[in-house]
Amino acid sequence: MGIVVLLIVLALLLGGVGLLVEGMIWLAIIAAAVFVAGILLGVMRRGAAAV
């Protein structure tokens, strides 16, 4: 019975870590997209202001 509880706890821990890593990957993708969009908008505004 003890090994069953140990396996369940390990599965929950590993699943939680995997979910956290997956969330961090999506967060990094979204942050990169917002960063690139900000750079593009800044370059376009600077180009429009110079004209």
Protein backbone atom coordinates (compact mmCIF):
# COMPACT_ATOMS: atom_id res chain seq x y z
CA MET A 1 0.00 0.00 0.00
CA GLY A 2 2.88 2.33 0.77
CA ILE A 3 4.37 1.95 -2.70
CA VAL A 4 1.01 2.84 -4.28
CA VAL A 5 0.87 6.08 -2.29
CA LEU A 6 4.48 6.82 -3.23
CA LEU A 7 3.75 6.27 -6.93
CA ILE A 8 0.67 8.51 -6.77
CA VAL A 9 2.64 11.28 -5.06
CA LEU A 10 5.45 10.99 -7.63
CA ALA A 11 2.95 11.10 -10.50
CA LEU A 12 1.34 14.24 -9.06
CA LEU A 13 4.71 15.93 -8.56
CA LEU A 14 5.98 15.10 -12.03
CA GLY A 15 2.68 16.11 -13.61
CA GLY A 16 2.75 19.43 -11.77
CA VAL A 17 6.33 20.09 -12.88
CA GLY A 18 5.43 19.24 -16.47
CA LEU A 19 2.43 21.58 -16.35
CA LEU A 20 4.60 24.36 -14.93
CA VAL A 21 7.21 23.90 -17.67
CA GLU A 22 4.52 23.90 -20.35
CA GLY A 23 3.06 27.10 -18.94
CA MET A 24 6.48 28.76 -18.89
CA ILE A 25 7.05 27.81 -22.53
CA TRP A 26 3.75 29.40 -23.57
CA LEU A 27 4.53 32.46 -21.46
CA ALA A 28 7.90 32.85 -23.22
CA ILE A 29 6.25 32.50 -26.66
CA ILE A 30 3.64 35.15 -25.85
CA ALA A 31 6.27 37.48 -24.35
CA ALA A 32 8.42 37.16 -27.46
CA ALA A 33 5.46 37.94 -29.72
CA VAL A 34 4.56 41.05 -27.70
CA PHE A 35 8.22 42.14 -27.70
CA VAL A 36 8.49 41.82 -31.49
CA ALA A 37 5.18 43.66 -31.97
CA GLY A 38 6.43 46.47 -29.73
CA ILE A 39 9.66 46.78 -31.69
CA LEU A 40 7.78 46.90 -35.00
CA LEU A 41 5.33 49.52 -33.75
CA GLY A 42 8.18 51.61 -32.34
CA VAL A 43 10.08 51.50 -35.63
CA MET A 44 6.95 52.46 -37.59
CA ARG A 45 6.17 55.36 -35.25
CA ARG A 46 9.72 56.64 -35.37
CA GLY A 47 9.66 56.44 -39.18
CA ALA A 48 6.34 58.32 -39.33
CA ALA A 49 7.58 61.03 -36.94
CA ALA A 50 10.72 61.60 -38.99
CA VAL A 51 8.70 62.38 -42.12
